[in-house]
Amino acid sequence: MTPSQPGHDAERVELLLSLVQEAKERLGSTKLVAIDGPAGSGKTILASHLHTSLQHAGLIVTTLHLDDLYEGWTGLESGLETRLADQVLHPLAGGRAAYWQRYDWHARAFAEWVNVPPPEVLILEGCGSGAQAYTPYTSLLVWIEAGQEERIARGIQRDGPGVLANWLAWMDREAAHFAANRTRARADLHLST
């Protein structure tokens, strides 16, 4: 395990790029990079920077945001692991395209299906991306965290003050999920924002 890494985003992304390039494919011919941590900790921004850096390095990369797979505010609990395994991990492990269904938060229902040919790197970003069930497929598990007040402020800024009760309930669910999966302890790299 690499210790916590302070520093600027560019330094972190450079380190991540190096770790991804050294990692072994464990998802068929794909390297799975899981970026996990509490809501509002900066996972999406880190994934975006890493995606761009990997593309600049000449790699074919796909980023999958778990926000698109959760079945609403209880989505971390309701069938996510099975759905992700069946729709994404098992097909890619077998050298086939992933075919997953996006959740529409406004309609509160699953919507269109998305086809993803096997990339060289799949960035799986979101709370729960480092679940123990995905360990056989994961090339690199990154844990990112921030203080609770900062995370709540970011959530309200992103989604509006009307979601505060949902955010607080989500934080309880994610804490239980992380404890059960020992996600932070199993991470290859720890980052803080």
Protein backbone atom coordinates (compact mmCIF):
# COMPACT_ATOMS: atom_id res chain seq x y z
CA MET A 1 0.00 0.00 0.00
CA THR A 2 1.27 3.46 -0.89
CA PRO A 3 0.92 5.99 1.93
CA SER A 4 -1.29 9.05 1.74
CA GLN A 5 -0.18 11.43 -0.96
CA PRO A 6 -0.41 15.15 -0.35
CA GLY A 7 0.38 17.63 -3.08
CA HIS A 8 -1.12 19.16 -6.16
CA ASP A 9 -3.52 17.49 -8.55
CA ALA A 10 -0.88 17.34 -11.31
CA GLU A 11 1.52 15.46 -9.03
CA ARG A 12 -1.22 13.06 -7.95
CA VAL A 13 -2.31 12.37 -11.51
CA GLU A 14 1.31 11.82 -12.58
CA LEU A 15 1.72 9.30 -9.76
CA LEU A 16 -1.56 7.60 -10.69
CA LEU A 17 -0.57 7.48 -14.36
CA SER A 18 2.66 5.73 -13.40
CA LEU A 19 0.85 3.24 -11.16
CA VAL A 20 -1.72 2.45 -13.85
CA GLN A 21 0.99 1.89 -16.45
CA GLU A 22 2.76 -0.54 -14.08
CA ALA A 23 -0.43 -2.40 -13.10
CA LYS A 24 -1.44 -5.74 -14.58
CA GLU A 25 -4.64 -6.37 -16.52
CA ARG A 26 -7.07 -8.29 -14.35
CA LEU A 27 -10.29 -7.68 -16.25
CA GLY A 28 -9.60 -9.58 -19.44
CA SER A 29 -7.27 -7.27 -21.41
CA THR A 30 -8.45 -4.26 -19.37
CA LYS A 31 -6.90 -2.60 -16.32
CA LEU A 32 -9.62 -1.66 -13.85
CA VAL A 33 -8.83 1.42 -11.76
CA ALA A 34 -11.32 1.90 -8.92
CA ILE A 35 -11.52 5.38 -7.40
CA ASP A 36 -13.48 5.09 -4.16
CA GLY A 37 -14.12 7.20 -1.10
CA PRO A 38 -16.89 9.13 0.61
CA ALA A 39 -19.34 11.31 -1.31
CA GLY A 40 -17.94 14.75 -2.05
CA SER A 41 -14.29 13.74 -1.63
CA GLY A 42 -13.23 14.55 -5.21
CA LYS A 43 -13.49 11.18 -6.97
CA THR A 44 -15.13 12.54 -10.14
CA ILE A 45 -12.57 15.31 -10.62
CA LEU A 46 -9.67 12.92 -10.03
CA ALA A 47 -11.17 10.42 -12.48
CA SER A 48 -11.54 13.14 -15.11
CA HIS A 49 -7.90 14.24 -14.75
CA LEU A 50 -6.68 10.64 -14.86
CA HIS A 51 -8.85 9.88 -17.91
CA THR A 52 -7.33 12.82 -19.81
CA SER A 53 -3.77 11.85 -18.80
CA LEU A 54 -4.27 8.24 -19.88
CA GLN A 55 -5.64 9.38 -23.24
CA HIS A 56 -2.65 11.69 -23.70
CA ALA A 57 -0.44 8.66 -22.99
CA GLY A 58 -2.11 6.95 -25.96
CA LEU A 59 -4.37 4.55 -24.06
CA ILE A 60 -7.99 3.73 -24.83
CA VAL A 61 -9.85 4.64 -21.66
CA THR A 62 -13.46 4.58 -20.47
CA THR A 63 -14.74 6.14 -17.27
CA LEU A 64 -17.85 4.70 -15.67
CA HIS A 65 -19.46 6.79 -12.92
CA LEU A 66 -21.33 4.71 -10.37
CA ASP A 67 -23.79 7.63 -10.01
CA ASP A 68 -25.13 6.34 -13.34
CA LEU A 69 -25.63 2.83 -11.91
CA TYR A 70 -27.02 3.50 -8.42
CA GLU A 71 -30.74 2.91 -8.14
CA GLY A 72 -31.35 6.24 -6.46
CA TRP A 73 -30.29 7.26 -2.96
CA THR A 74 -30.26 3.66 -1.71
CA GLY A 75 -28.36 2.46 -4.78
CA LEU A 76 -25.25 1.49 -2.89
CA GLU A 77 -27.27 -1.31 -1.31
CA SER A 78 -29.85 -2.36 -3.89
CA GLY A 79 -28.26 -4.82 -6.28
CA LEU A 80 -25.36 -2.63 -7.42
CA GLU A 81 -22.68 -5.32 -7.06
CA THR A 82 -24.68 -7.92 -9.00
CA ARG A 83 -25.72 -5.45 -11.71
CA LEU A 84 -22.17 -4.13 -12.17
CA ALA A 85 -20.73 -7.65 -12.27
CA ASP A 86 -23.33 -8.92 -14.75
CA GLN A 87 -23.43 -5.87 -17.03
CA VAL A 88 -19.79 -4.72 -16.94
CA LEU A 89 -17.22 -6.90 -15.21
CA HIS A 90 -18.11 -10.37 -16.46
CA PRO A 91 -18.44 -9.32 -20.12
CA LEU A 92 -15.15 -7.39 -20.09
CA ALA A 93 -13.38 -10.24 -18.29
CA GLY A 94 -14.53 -12.47 -21.14
CA GLY A 95 -13.27 -10.08 -23.81
CA ARG A 96 -16.77 -8.89 -24.73
CA ALA A 97 -18.28 -5.42 -24.67
CA ALA A 98 -19.97 -4.24 -21.49
CA TYR A 99 -23.64 -3.36 -21.87
CA TRP A 100 -25.02 -1.50 -18.87
CA GLN A 101 -28.23 0.36 -18.08
CA ARG A 102 -28.08 4.00 -16.93
CA TYR A 103 -30.23 5.12 -14.01
CA ASP A 104 -32.21 8.33 -14.60
CA TRP A 105 -32.36 10.18 -11.26
CA HIS A 106 -35.14 12.53 -12.45
CA ALA A 107 -37.41 9.76 -13.75
CA ARG A 108 -36.40 7.49 -10.83
CA ALA A 109 -36.04 4.55 -13.19
CA PHE A 110 -33.45 2.81 -15.29
CA ALA A 111 -33.24 4.27 -18.78
CA GLU A 112 -31.13 3.57 -21.87
CA TRP A 113 -28.50 0.90 -22.30
CA VAL A 114 -24.86 1.89 -22.92
CA ASN A 115 -22.45 -0.24 -24.96
CA VAL A 116 -18.77 -0.13 -23.95
CA PRO A 117 -16.21 -2.01 -26.05
CA PRO A 118 -13.30 -3.37 -23.98
CA PRO A 119 -10.95 -0.44 -23.23
CA GLU A 120 -7.33 -0.71 -22.19
CA VAL A 121 -8.23 1.06 -18.93
CA LEU A 122 -11.62 1.24 -17.24
CA ILE A 123 -11.87 3.90 -14.53
CA LEU A 124 -14.68 2.93 -12.16
CA GLU A 125 -15.47 6.00 -10.09
CA GLY A 126 -17.85 6.34 -7.18
CA CYS A 127 -18.74 5.19 -3.69
CA GLY A 128 -18.56 1.43 -3.71
CA SER A 129 -16.20 1.07 -6.68
CA GLY A 130 -13.68 -0.61 -4.41
CA ALA A 131 -16.08 -3.25 -3.09
CA GLN A 132 -14.43 -6.50 -2.09
CA ALA A 133 -16.50 -8.35 -4.71
CA TYR A 134 -14.55 -6.53 -7.46
CA THR A 135 -11.09 -7.39 -6.08
CA PRO A 136 -10.38 -10.20 -8.59
CA TYR A 137 -10.79 -7.69 -11.43
CA THR A 138 -9.20 -4.58 -9.90
CA SER A 139 -5.71 -3.54 -11.02
CA LEU A 140 -5.52 -0.47 -8.78
CA LEU A 141 -7.73 0.70 -5.91
CA VAL A 142 -7.47 4.40 -5.03
CA TRP A 143 -9.03 5.81 -1.86
CA ILE A 144 -9.72 9.56 -1.75
CA GLU A 145 -11.13 11.42 1.24
CA ALA A 146 -11.93 14.88 2.60
CA GLY A 147 -13.39 16.22 5.82
CA GLN A 148 -17.11 15.75 6.43
CA GLU A 149 -17.98 19.46 6.48
CA GLU A 150 -16.14 20.01 3.20
CA ARG A 151 -17.89 17.03 1.60
CA ILE A 152 -21.33 18.23 2.70
CA ALA A 153 -20.58 21.74 1.37
CA ARG A 154 -19.51 20.27 -1.99
CA GLY A 155 -22.65 18.13 -2.16
CA ILE A 156 -24.94 21.07 -1.48
CA GLN A 157 -23.06 23.19 -4.00
CA ARG A 158 -23.42 20.46 -6.63
CA ASP A 159 -26.97 19.22 -5.95
CA GLY A 160 -28.62 22.07 -4.01
CA PRO A 161 -29.69 22.42 -0.37
CA GLY A 162 -32.81 20.29 -0.91
CA VAL A 163 -30.71 17.12 -0.92
CA LEU A 164 -29.09 17.57 2.50
CA ALA A 165 -31.24 14.92 4.21
CA ASN A 166 -30.48 12.47 1.40
CA TRP A 167 -26.76 13.27 1.61
CA LEU A 168 -26.66 12.67 5.37
CA ALA A 169 -28.49 9.34 5.00
CA TRP A 170 -26.14 8.39 2.14
CA MET A 171 -23.13 9.13 4.36
CA ASP A 172 -24.41 6.64 6.92
CA ARG A 173 -24.89 4.00 4.21
CA GLU A 174 -21.48 4.58 2.65
CA ALA A 175 -19.76 4.41 6.05
CA ALA A 176 -21.35 1.01 6.68
CA HIS A 177 -20.40 -0.15 3.17
CA PHE A 178 -16.78 0.99 3.57
CA ALA A 179 -16.50 -0.70 6.98
CA ALA A 180 -17.96 -4.00 5.70
CA ASN A 181 -15.64 -3.98 2.66
CA ARG A 182 -12.59 -2.60 4.48
CA THR A 183 -12.18 -0.36 1.43
CA ARG A 184 -9.75 2.18 2.88
CA ALA A 185 -7.53 -0.50 4.40
CA ARG A 186 -7.38 -2.43 1.10
CA ALA A 187 -6.56 0.60 -1.09
CA ASP A 188 -3.28 0.69 -3.01
CA LEU A 189 -3.10 4.48 -2.73
CA HIS A 190 -4.61 7.01 -0.29
CA LEU A 191 -5.27 10.61 -1.32
CA SER A 192 -6.85 13.50 0.56
CA THR A 193 -8.38 16.70 -0.75
